[in-house]
Amino acid sequence: MPDKWKELWETPLDRTSSLVEQIILRCLEAMNKGYLQQGKKVPPLRKLSEKLAVSLGTVKGAYLKLRCEGYFTPRGHLGTYVSQIPGGNSPLRLEWTDSVPFSFREDRSTYATCYEMGHNSFLKIGTDSPGPERLNLKKYLNFLQASLDPPKRYSVGTKRENEDPEEMLDEFLGGHLKERGIETRQGQRLLLPAGTALALVAKALLSPGDCVVVASLLDIPAREAFLGIPVGLKPAGYDREGILTSKVEQICQEQNVKAVFVRPPAAFPQNVTMSEKRRDELVELAHRYKFALIAQDDVCEFWFSHPFIPLGSKRHQGRAIHISRLSSLAAAIDSYEVITAADPFVHRIYKKVKALGLSVNPVKALVLIRFLNGLGNETYARKFIKLYAARLTAIQHSFDEHLSAKACIVIPRAGLSLWICFEKAVRADLLLSLIRDSGFSDYNSGQSIVVDGSVTALHAGFARHGEECWESLFEGLAELL
């Protein structure tokens, strides 16, 4: 055992020491002692952290306690062993990742757990935004009608009917972003149709063979955008504070990194929120190593804890490319994405948008922003957050009652979707029948992955389904599992 490990082995545990370092060393030791060859597994970092944070005695005592409690036995939902890094040119590497509820159609054989191959798959159900029935559609339609009626064709409730609608849209968009902590000036922001921003940024910024660092290789939208170019992806890993900046720096020292991609509010699918300290460290690394920092925020209004400073804020201006939804709240009415970045890059994106014919209708976008401003007071937003926080609590209680011994649930810190990972595979046809019988009519086959007729997880939006649907679903799942 290396001297550093021996010294740490007898170190008393306390809340001021580096739990992360202790946890990593314990995992490395488990690998060094051959636990992998024996089919045993190391628990995910967040579980170890919770245990070690309250344990007494030495690191050795905490480690032995964990082993006695069965944390080194194979459990399908507690971790995945990655034997190769797809999309890169590096030699074979060994890494641990956290809870992984799925694999990929194209490279499923690359990912494997210690106990089975290629059975990580999932069904996508539910939606992550409120239904139109929860919004004041009459008010929105009144705004829309007023904008189309002459002589106030471009009116948004002001005396500025003769102004250019695109200029007005840019001004109103700047004010809307500022309320969310994203400060920009004219030329640094651009409104786009939903689902186009990340692909446009990737094509404008990257060339084949470039290196892009991500928190996890399990971010499907990021993989589709970046590997389509194609580029090499390097995983930096993450913890409770977000992407590991120490690993990002290590990768930057080893090779030329063109960009680092993060999802600050709610990583997909791990629901990891970046701390302010970690964000500032990442921005400093971007300045030092001259890489582009791409941040995507799909959550917007729906936070269940205090939101941190966006990477598109004034503090980080000019060093980050920030992509966000215009709104999650009004996604059922109309959906847009916003890019904020330094002026030259936004201008480059704007030229691509014009060439592809992707420009948005400025009148409709102005109407939606005015509508959002009417809903944007804290009281109204908190009403929705309280509703969904209460629903999450009810879902958690129902899950614990029916499925705690047969599956695990990943509750989000932000956003309106969650993951349920099964201990064993379930036939997709039986699960689909149960889903429909439970009242979930919005199964999304295009975003689901079924392997050999079975699945091991559900990715479920909880915005539009009440407690009775979840209770019925969990009761049926308990029987299937």
Protein backbone atom coordinates (compact mmCIF):
# COMPACT_ATOMS: atom_id res chain seq x y z
CA MET A 1 0.00 0.00 0.00
CA PRO A 2 1.45 3.44 -0.90
CA ASP A 3 2.64 5.56 2.04
CA LYS A 4 -0.07 8.16 1.41
CA TRP A 5 -2.73 5.46 1.78
CA LYS A 6 -1.16 4.08 4.96
CA GLU A 7 -1.09 7.54 6.53
CA LEU A 8 -4.68 8.24 5.57
CA TRP A 9 -5.82 4.78 6.71
CA GLU A 10 -5.36 5.70 10.38
CA THR A 11 -6.48 9.33 10.05
CA PRO A 12 -9.40 10.18 12.35
CA LEU A 13 -12.55 11.16 10.52
CA ASP A 14 -13.90 14.65 10.95
CA ARG A 15 -16.13 16.93 8.93
CA THR A 16 -13.34 19.36 8.07
CA SER A 17 -11.08 16.89 6.24
CA SER A 18 -11.36 16.04 2.57
CA LEU A 19 -13.99 13.32 2.38
CA VAL A 20 -13.69 13.19 -1.38
CA GLU A 21 -10.00 12.28 -1.20
CA GLN A 22 -10.70 9.63 1.42
CA ILE A 23 -13.48 8.13 -0.67
CA ILE A 24 -11.40 8.03 -3.84
CA LEU A 25 -8.51 6.36 -2.08
CA ARG A 26 -10.83 3.73 -0.62
CA CYS A 27 -12.18 2.99 -4.08
CA LEU A 28 -8.68 2.80 -5.55
CA GLU A 29 -7.66 0.42 -2.81
CA ALA A 30 -10.64 -1.80 -3.53
CA MET A 31 -9.57 -1.93 -7.17
CA ASN A 32 -5.94 -2.59 -6.20
CA LYS A 33 -6.94 -5.53 -3.99
CA GLY A 34 -8.73 -7.27 -6.82
CA TYR A 35 -12.31 -6.69 -5.80
CA LEU A 36 -13.19 -6.12 -9.46
CA GLN A 37 -11.92 -9.53 -10.51
CA GLN A 38 -14.02 -11.04 -7.71
CA GLY A 39 -17.15 -9.41 -9.13
CA LYS A 40 -17.44 -6.97 -6.24
CA LYS A 41 -18.32 -3.31 -6.65
CA VAL A 42 -17.40 0.03 -5.15
CA PRO A 43 -20.40 2.15 -4.09
CA PRO A 44 -21.03 5.53 -5.74
CA LEU A 45 -19.32 8.54 -4.22
CA ARG A 46 -22.47 10.21 -2.92
CA LYS A 47 -23.43 7.12 -0.89
CA LEU A 48 -19.94 6.82 0.57
CA SER A 49 -19.89 10.51 1.36
CA GLU A 50 -23.16 10.29 3.26
CA LYS A 51 -21.80 7.38 5.29
CA LEU A 52 -18.36 8.83 5.99
CA ALA A 53 -19.78 12.24 6.88
CA VAL A 54 -21.44 10.81 9.97
CA SER A 55 -19.04 7.97 10.84
CA LEU A 56 -16.84 8.04 13.92
CA GLY A 57 -13.32 6.69 14.33
CA THR A 58 -10.72 6.33 11.60
CA VAL A 59 -10.95 6.01 7.86
CA LYS A 60 -10.15 2.32 8.26
CA GLY A 61 -13.08 1.89 10.62
CA ALA A 62 -15.44 3.63 8.24
CA TYR A 63 -14.22 1.53 5.33
CA LEU A 64 -14.67 -1.75 7.21
CA LYS A 65 -18.11 -0.63 8.33
CA LEU A 66 -19.11 0.00 4.73
CA ARG A 67 -17.83 -3.40 3.67
CA CYS A 68 -19.72 -5.13 6.48
CA GLU A 69 -22.91 -3.39 5.40
CA GLY A 70 -22.66 -4.98 1.97
CA TYR A 71 -21.41 -2.04 -0.06
CA PHE A 72 -18.93 -4.25 -1.92
CA THR A 73 -21.50 -6.68 -3.29
CA PRO A 74 -22.80 -6.47 -6.87
CA ARG A 75 -25.85 -4.23 -7.14
CA GLY A 76 -27.09 -3.19 -10.54
CA HIS A 77 -28.16 0.32 -9.61
CA LEU A 78 -25.13 1.34 -7.54
CA GLY A 79 -22.50 1.91 -10.21
CA THR A 80 -21.14 1.10 -13.64
CA TYR A 81 -17.64 0.11 -14.63
CA VAL A 82 -16.46 1.74 -17.86
CA SER A 83 -13.80 -0.29 -19.63
CA GLN A 84 -13.22 2.01 -22.62
CA ILE A 85 -13.81 5.66 -23.46
CA PRO A 86 -15.80 6.02 -26.72
CA GLY A 87 -15.15 8.93 -29.03
CA GLY A 88 -11.51 9.44 -28.05
CA ASN A 89 -8.09 8.31 -29.28
CA SER A 90 -6.64 7.51 -25.87
CA PRO A 91 -5.48 3.98 -24.95
CA LEU A 92 -7.69 1.72 -22.87
CA ARG A 93 -8.63 3.31 -19.55
CA LEU A 94 -10.50 2.18 -16.46
CA GLU A 95 -12.90 4.48 -14.67
CA TRP A 96 -15.81 4.35 -12.27
CA THR A 97 -18.97 6.31 -12.90
CA ASP A 98 -22.01 6.97 -10.74
CA SER A 99 -25.55 5.61 -11.13
CA VAL A 100 -26.09 4.79 -14.82
CA PRO A 101 -29.64 3.90 -15.85
CA PHE A 102 -28.93 3.27 -19.54
CA SER A 103 -26.40 2.64 -22.30
CA PHE A 104 -26.35 3.65 -25.96
CA ARG A 105 -27.62 2.07 -29.15
CA GLU A 106 -24.37 2.55 -31.08
CA ASP A 107 -21.76 1.59 -28.46
CA ARG A 108 -23.68 -0.53 -25.99
CA SER A 109 -20.98 -3.22 -25.94
CA THR A 110 -18.44 -0.65 -24.70
CA TYR A 111 -20.31 -0.14 -21.45
CA ALA A 112 -20.64 -3.01 -19.01
CA THR A 113 -21.30 -3.62 -15.36
CA CYS A 114 -19.36 -6.26 -13.49
CA TYR A 115 -22.33 -8.59 -13.41
CA GLU A 116 -24.01 -8.23 -16.82
CA MET A 117 -23.48 -6.77 -20.27
CA GLY A 118 -25.63 -4.42 -22.31
CA HIS A 119 -28.84 -4.49 -20.25
CA ASN A 120 -28.91 -0.81 -19.30
CA SER A 121 -31.95 0.65 -21.08
CA PHE A 122 -34.91 2.84 -20.26
CA LEU A 123 -38.36 4.10 -21.21
CA LYS A 124 -39.09 7.84 -21.37
CA ILE A 125 -42.49 8.86 -20.01
CA GLY A 126 -44.11 12.04 -18.71
CA THR A 127 -43.28 15.68 -19.46
CA ASP A 128 -41.01 18.25 -17.80
CA SER A 129 -43.18 21.36 -18.17
CA PRO A 130 -46.66 22.33 -16.94
CA GLY A 131 -49.60 21.72 -19.24
CA PRO A 132 -51.36 24.64 -20.95
CA GLU A 133 -54.32 24.17 -18.63
CA ARG A 134 -52.17 25.45 -15.74
CA LEU A 135 -51.26 28.66 -17.56
CA ASN A 136 -53.36 31.74 -18.29
CA LEU A 137 -53.81 31.00 -21.98
CA LYS A 138 -56.56 33.60 -22.36
CA LYS A 139 -54.12 36.32 -21.38
CA TYR A 140 -51.51 35.00 -23.81
CA LEU A 141 -54.01 34.83 -26.68
CA ASN A 142 -55.13 38.39 -25.93
CA PHE A 143 -51.51 39.54 -26.17
CA LEU A 144 -51.06 37.63 -29.42
CA GLN A 145 -54.24 39.04 -30.97
CA ALA A 146 -53.30 42.59 -29.98
CA SER A 147 -49.91 42.19 -31.65
CA LEU A 148 -51.53 41.14 -34.92
CA ASP A 149 -54.31 43.75 -35.04
CA PRO A 150 -53.48 46.93 -37.01
CA PRO A 151 -52.28 49.55 -36.46
CA LYS A 152 -50.34 48.05 -33.53
CA ARG A 153 -48.90 45.14 -35.46
CA TYR A 154 -45.75 44.93 -33.38
CA SER A 155 -47.14 46.31 -30.14
CA VAL A 156 -46.18 44.69 -26.87
CA GLY A 157 -48.25 46.98 -24.71
CA THR A 158 -46.10 50.09 -25.17
CA LYS A 159 -46.20 53.22 -27.35
CA ARG A 160 -43.38 51.96 -29.55
CA GLU A 161 -45.39 50.54 -32.46
CA ASN A 162 -43.09 51.98 -35.15
CA GLU A 163 -39.88 50.47 -33.82
CA ASP A 164 -38.23 47.51 -35.52
CA PRO A 165 -39.57 44.29 -33.94
CA GLU A 166 -36.16 42.58 -33.97
CA GLU A 167 -34.59 45.48 -32.06
CA MET A 168 -37.44 45.45 -29.57
CA LEU A 169 -37.11 41.67 -29.17
CA ASP A 170 -33.40 42.00 -28.43
CA GLU A 171 -34.05 44.69 -25.79
CA PHE A 172 -36.86 42.75 -24.10
CA LEU A 173 -34.78 39.56 -24.23
CA GLY A 174 -31.93 41.32 -22.45
CA GLY A 175 -34.26 42.42 -19.66
CA HIS A 176 -35.73 38.92 -19.35
CA LEU A 177 -32.26 37.35 -19.05
CA LYS A 178 -31.12 39.94 -16.51
CA GLU A 179 -33.92 38.88 -14.15
CA ARG A 180 -32.34 35.40 -14.16
CA GLY A 181 -28.85 36.75 -13.40
CA ILE A 182 -27.60 36.69 -17.00
CA GLU A 183 -26.31 40.16 -17.91
CA THR A 184 -25.60 40.90 -21.58
CA ARG A 185 -25.44 43.83 -23.96
CA GLN A 186 -26.68 44.13 -27.52
CA GLY A 187 -24.90 41.69 -29.81
CA GLN A 188 -24.23 39.15 -27.05
CA ARG A 189 -27.58 37.33 -27.12
CA LEU A 190 -29.56 35.48 -29.76
CA LEU A 191 -32.98 33.79 -29.66
CA LEU A 192 -33.31 30.48 -31.54
CA PRO A 193 -35.91 27.76 -32.14
CA ALA A 194 -35.88 25.05 -29.46
CA GLY A 195 -33.41 22.20 -29.90
CA THR A 196 -31.03 23.97 -32.28
CA ALA A 197 -28.61 25.91 -30.06
CA LEU A 198 -26.12 23.22 -28.97
CA ALA A 199 -25.73 21.79 -32.47
CA LEU A 200 -25.14 25.28 -33.89
CA VAL A 201 -22.56 26.09 -31.21
CA ALA A 202 -20.74 22.80 -31.82
CA LYS A 203 -20.57 23.33 -35.59
CA ALA A 204 -19.43 26.95 -35.24
CA LEU A 205 -16.79 26.23 -32.61
CA LEU A 206 -15.36 22.76 -33.23
CA SER A 207 -13.49 20.90 -35.95
CA PRO A 208 -13.04 17.13 -36.44
CA GLY A 209 -10.50 15.75 -33.99
CA ASP A 210 -10.85 18.53 -31.39
CA CYS A 211 -10.92 17.53 -27.72
CA VAL A 212 -14.01 18.36 -25.64
CA VAL A 213 -14.20 17.71 -21.89
CA VAL A 214 -17.56 16.71 -20.40
CA ALA A 215 -18.61 15.86 -16.85
CA SER A 216 -19.99 12.50 -17.98
CA LEU A 217 -20.08 10.52 -21.20
CA LEU A 218 -23.68 9.69 -20.36
CA ASP A 219 -25.03 13.03 -21.59
CA ILE A 220 -26.88 11.85 -24.70
CA PRO A 221 -27.72 15.30 -26.22
CA ALA A 222 -24.10 16.41 -25.81
CA ARG A 223 -22.80 13.21 -27.38
CA GLU A 224 -25.12 13.62 -30.37
CA ALA A 225 -24.01 17.22 -30.90
CA PHE A 226 -20.27 16.68 -30.46
CA LEU A 227 -19.68 13.20 -31.87
CA GLY A 228 -21.55 14.18 -35.02
CA ILE A 229 -18.61 16.43 -36.00
CA PRO A 230 -16.76 14.21 -34.75
CA VAL A 231 -14.61 15.22 -31.77
CA GLY A 232 -12.90 13.29 -28.97
CA LEU A 233 -14.78 13.36 -25.65
CA LYS A 234 -12.93 13.22 -22.33
CA PRO A 235 -14.89 12.67 -19.08
CA ALA A 236 -13.76 14.70 -16.07
CA GLY A 237 -16.22 13.21 -13.57
CA TYR A 238 -18.26 15.06 -11.00
CA ASP A 239 -19.24 15.19 -7.34
CA ARG A 240 -21.83 17.10 -5.32
CA GLU A 241 -20.32 20.44 -6.41
CA GLY A 242 -20.37 19.64 -10.13
CA ILE A 243 -17.66 18.84 -12.67
CA LEU A 244 -14.24 18.05 -11.15
CA THR A 245 -12.06 21.02 -12.04
CA SER A 246 -8.91 19.21 -10.89
CA LYS A 247 -9.53 16.55 -13.53
CA VAL A 248 -10.30 19.22 -16.13
CA GLU A 249 -6.93 20.83 -15.43
CA GLN A 250 -5.17 17.47 -15.64
CA ILE A 251 -6.67 16.82 -19.08
CA CYS A 252 -5.67 20.34 -20.20
CA GLN A 253 -2.08 19.63 -19.15
CA GLU A 254 -2.03 16.41 -21.16
CA GLN A 255 -3.50 17.72 -24.42
CA ASN A 256 -4.99 20.74 -26.13
CA VAL A 257 -8.63 21.12 -25.01
CA LYS A 258 -10.88 23.10 -27.33
CA ALA A 259 -13.99 23.24 -25.11
CA VAL A 260 -15.46 22.12 -21.78
CA PHE A 261 -19.20 21.38 -21.68
CA VAL A 262 -21.26 21.50 -18.48
CA ARG A 263 -24.90 21.58 -17.45
CA PRO A 264 -24.70 23.79 -14.35
CA PRO A 265 -28.21 23.48 -12.87
CA ALA A 266 -29.12 19.83 -13.41
CA ALA A 267 -26.69 17.51 -15.13
CA PHE A 268 -28.20 14.81 -17.34
CA PRO A 269 -29.02 12.42 -15.77
CA GLN A 270 -27.18 12.83 -12.48
CA ASN A 271 -28.88 16.05 -11.29
CA VAL A 272 -25.64 17.62 -10.07
CA THR A 273 -25.60 21.35 -9.29
CA MET A 274 -22.36 23.32 -9.64
CA SER A 275 -21.32 25.40 -6.64
CA GLU A 276 -20.23 29.00 -7.11
CA LYS A 277 -16.68 28.08 -6.09
CA ARG A 278 -16.50 25.30 -8.67
CA ARG A 279 -17.91 27.60 -11.37
CA ASP A 280 -15.34 30.29 -10.66
CA GLU A 281 -12.56 27.68 -10.77
CA LEU A 282 -13.81 26.49 -14.14
CA VAL A 283 -13.89 30.03 -15.54
CA GLU A 284 -10.33 30.60 -14.32
CA LEU A 285 -9.20 27.40 -16.07
CA ALA A 286 -10.90 28.58 -19.27
CA HIS A 287 -8.89 31.81 -19.09
CA ARG A 288 -5.63 30.01 -18.31
CA TYR A 289 -5.85 27.22 -20.90
CA LYS A 290 -7.76 29.20 -23.56
CA PHE A 291 -10.63 26.76 -24.01
CA ALA A 292 -14.26 27.65 -24.67
CA LEU A 293 -16.66 27.04 -21.79
CA ILE A 294 -20.11 25.85 -22.94
CA ALA A 295 -22.87 25.75 -20.33
CA GLN A 296 -26.41 24.53 -20.98
CA ASP A 297 -29.35 25.33 -18.66
CA ASP A 298 -32.65 23.61 -19.43
CA VAL A 299 -34.26 24.21 -16.04
CA CYS A 300 -34.91 27.97 -15.91
CA GLU A 301 -37.65 28.63 -13.32
CA PHE A 302 -37.90 25.24 -11.58
CA TRP A 303 -35.42 25.03 -8.70
CA PHE A 304 -36.01 23.08 -5.49
CA SER A 305 -33.03 24.70 -3.77
CA HIS A 306 -31.27 28.06 -4.13
CA PRO A 307 -30.08 28.63 -7.74
CA PHE A 308 -26.42 29.54 -8.14
CA ILE A 309 -24.91 32.27 -10.31
CA PRO A 310 -25.38 31.35 -14.01
CA LEU A 311 -22.27 30.91 -16.11
CA GLY A 312 -23.79 33.54 -18.37
CA SER A 313 -23.65 36.13 -15.60
CA LYS A 314 -21.69 39.38 -15.72
CA ARG A 315 -18.94 37.80 -13.61
CA HIS A 316 -18.24 35.31 -16.42
CA GLN A 317 -19.06 37.55 -19.39
CA GLY A 318 -17.03 36.88 -22.51
CA ARG A 319 -15.58 33.60 -21.22
CA ALA A 320 -18.62 31.36 -21.45
CA ILE A 321 -21.09 30.32 -24.12
CA HIS A 322 -24.36 30.02 -22.21
CA ILE A 323 -27.33 28.14 -23.69
CA SER A 324 -30.69 28.20 -21.94
CA ARG A 325 -34.38 27.81 -22.51
CA LEU A 326 -36.28 31.04 -22.70
CA SER A 327 -38.70 29.43 -20.25
CA SER A 328 -39.65 26.02 -18.88
CA LEU A 329 -42.85 27.43 -17.45
CA ALA A 330 -44.34 28.39 -20.83
CA ALA A 331 -42.87 25.54 -22.89
CA ALA A 332 -46.37 24.18 -23.53
CA ILE A 333 -47.24 27.45 -25.32
CA ASP A 334 -44.06 28.05 -27.31
CA SER A 335 -40.45 27.06 -26.85
CA TYR A 336 -37.22 28.93 -27.61
CA GLU A 337 -33.54 28.71 -26.72
CA VAL A 338 -31.18 31.61 -26.00
CA ILE A 339 -27.44 31.79 -26.69
CA THR A 340 -25.36 34.35 -24.81
CA ALA A 341 -21.66 34.74 -25.58
CA ALA A 342 -19.02 37.24 -26.72
CA ASP A 343 -20.08 39.46 -29.64
CA PRO A 344 -17.95 37.84 -32.42
CA PHE A 345 -19.18 34.33 -31.62
CA VAL A 346 -22.84 35.37 -31.47
CA HIS A 347 -22.40 37.11 -34.84
CA ARG A 348 -20.94 33.89 -36.27
CA ILE A 349 -23.94 31.92 -35.00
CA TYR A 350 -26.30 34.59 -36.39
CA LYS A 351 -24.85 34.15 -39.89
CA LYS A 352 -25.34 30.38 -39.69
CA VAL A 353 -28.92 30.87 -38.48
CA LYS A 354 -29.71 33.16 -41.42
CA ALA A 355 -28.14 30.73 -43.89
CA LEU A 356 -30.20 27.84 -42.51
CA GLY A 357 -33.44 29.83 -42.28
CA LEU A 358 -33.81 29.21 -38.53
CA SER A 359 -34.74 32.74 -37.46
CA VAL A 360 -37.66 33.08 -35.04
CA ASN A 361 -40.77 35.19 -35.57
CA PRO A 362 -39.98 38.36 -33.56
CA VAL A 363 -43.65 39.24 -33.04
CA LYS A 364 -44.55 35.88 -31.49
CA ALA A 365 -41.38 35.89 -29.39
CA LEU A 366 -42.16 39.40 -28.09
CA VAL A 367 -45.65 38.29 -27.12
CA LEU A 368 -44.30 35.28 -25.20
CA ILE A 369 -41.76 37.43 -23.33
CA ARG A 370 -44.46 39.90 -22.36
CA PHE A 371 -46.60 36.99 -21.17
CA LEU A 372 -43.67 35.62 -19.13
CA ASN A 373 -43.03 39.02 -17.59
CA GLY A 374 -46.63 38.96 -16.42
CA LEU A 375 -46.01 35.59 -14.73
CA GLY A 376 -42.51 36.38 -13.60
CA ASN A 377 -43.14 37.70 -10.11
CA GLU A 378 -41.74 35.56 -7.33
CA THR A 379 -45.13 34.71 -5.83
CA TYR A 380 -46.42 33.13 -9.03
CA ALA A 381 -43.20 31.22 -9.68
CA ARG A 382 -43.07 29.98 -6.09
CA LYS A 383 -46.62 28.69 -6.46
CA PHE A 384 -45.47 26.25 -9.13
CA ILE A 385 -42.31 25.30 -7.25
CA LYS A 386 -44.26 24.55 -4.07
CA LEU A 387 -46.72 22.44 -6.05
CA TYR A 388 -43.99 20.31 -7.61
CA ALA A 389 -41.92 20.10 -4.43
CA ALA A 390 -44.97 18.65 -2.65
CA ARG A 391 -45.50 16.22 -5.53
CA LEU A 392 -41.87 15.10 -5.35
CA THR A 393 -42.24 14.42 -1.63
CA ALA A 394 -45.35 12.32 -2.27
CA ILE A 395 -43.58 10.42 -5.07
CA GLN A 396 -40.62 9.72 -2.78
CA HIS A 397 -42.87 8.42 0.02
CA SER A 398 -44.80 6.17 -2.36
CA PHE A 399 -41.57 4.84 -3.85
CA ASP A 400 -40.13 4.09 -0.41
CA GLU A 401 -43.29 2.22 0.53
CA HIS A 402 -43.39 -0.02 -2.54
CA LEU A 403 -39.95 -0.18 -4.20
CA SER A 404 -37.14 0.77 -1.83
CA ALA A 405 -35.75 -2.80 -1.80
CA LYS A 406 -36.09 -3.36 -5.56
CA ALA A 407 -35.04 -0.09 -7.22
CA CYS A 408 -33.53 3.33 -6.57
CA ILE A 409 -34.89 6.78 -7.38
CA VAL A 410 -32.88 9.90 -8.38
CA ILE A 411 -34.77 12.95 -7.11
CA PRO A 412 -33.81 16.16 -8.99
CA ARG A 413 -32.55 19.33 -7.35
CA ALA A 414 -33.92 21.25 -10.31
CA GLY A 415 -36.17 20.48 -13.25
CA LEU A 416 -39.30 18.36 -13.51
CA SER A 417 -38.02 14.87 -14.36
CA LEU A 418 -36.55 12.01 -12.33
CA TRP A 419 -34.91 8.60 -12.82
CA ILE A 420 -36.03 5.23 -11.43
CA CYS A 421 -33.42 2.46 -11.81
CA PHE A 422 -34.44 -1.19 -11.36
CA GLU A 423 -32.44 -3.90 -9.65
CA LYS A 424 -33.12 -6.23 -12.58
CA ALA A 425 -34.36 -5.93 -16.16
CA VAL A 426 -38.11 -5.78 -16.84
CA ARG A 427 -39.88 -6.78 -20.05
CA ALA A 428 -40.68 -3.60 -21.94
CA ASP A 429 -44.11 -4.78 -23.12
CA LEU A 430 -45.24 -5.55 -19.56
CA LEU A 431 -43.91 -2.22 -18.31
CA LEU A 432 -45.59 -0.31 -21.14
CA SER A 433 -48.91 -1.94 -20.31
CA LEU A 434 -48.48 -0.95 -16.66
CA ILE A 435 -47.53 2.61 -17.64
CA ARG A 436 -50.69 3.05 -19.71
CA ASP A 437 -52.90 1.46 -17.04
CA SER A 438 -51.43 3.88 -14.48
CA GLY A 439 -52.53 6.89 -16.52
CA PHE A 440 -49.29 7.80 -18.32
CA SER A 441 -50.41 8.40 -21.90
CA ASP A 442 -47.27 10.30 -22.97
CA TYR A 443 -44.78 7.48 -23.55
CA ASN A 444 -41.96 8.76 -25.82
CA SER A 445 -40.60 5.93 -27.97
CA GLY A 446 -38.13 8.21 -29.75
CA GLN A 447 -36.28 9.00 -26.51
CA SER A 448 -36.42 5.44 -25.14
CA ILE A 449 -33.87 2.64 -25.50
CA VAL A 450 -35.06 -0.99 -25.33
CA VAL A 451 -32.45 -3.76 -25.29
CA ASP A 452 -33.51 -7.32 -26.12
CA GLY A 453 -37.09 -6.46 -25.25
CA SER A 454 -36.18 -5.31 -21.72
CA VAL A 455 -35.41 -2.13 -19.80
CA THR A 456 -33.70 -1.37 -16.49
CA ALA A 457 -34.92 2.17 -15.82
CA LEU A 458 -37.59 4.82 -16.28
CA HIS A 459 -36.87 8.46 -17.14
CA ALA A 460 -40.08 10.14 -16.01
CA GLY A 461 -41.34 13.70 -16.14
CA PHE A 462 -43.66 14.49 -13.24
CA ALA A 463 -45.09 17.85 -14.38
CA ARG A 464 -48.53 16.64 -15.45
CA HIS A 465 -49.27 13.44 -13.49
CA GLY A 466 -50.70 13.42 -9.98
CA GLU A 467 -49.98 11.23 -6.98
CA GLU A 468 -52.55 8.56 -7.90
CA CYS A 469 -50.71 7.80 -11.17
CA TRP A 470 -47.41 7.30 -9.35
CA GLU A 471 -49.00 5.17 -6.63
CA SER A 472 -50.50 2.87 -9.26
CA LEU A 473 -47.21 2.72 -11.18
CA PHE A 474 -45.14 1.82 -8.12
CA GLU A 475 -47.59 -0.85 -6.97
CA GLY A 476 -47.41 -2.51 -10.39
CA LEU A 477 -43.62 -2.19 -10.55
CA ALA A 478 -43.29 -3.91 -7.18
CA GLU A 479 -45.09 -6.93 -8.66
CA LEU A 480 -43.02 -6.93 -11.87
CA LEU A 481 -39.75 -6.75 -9.93
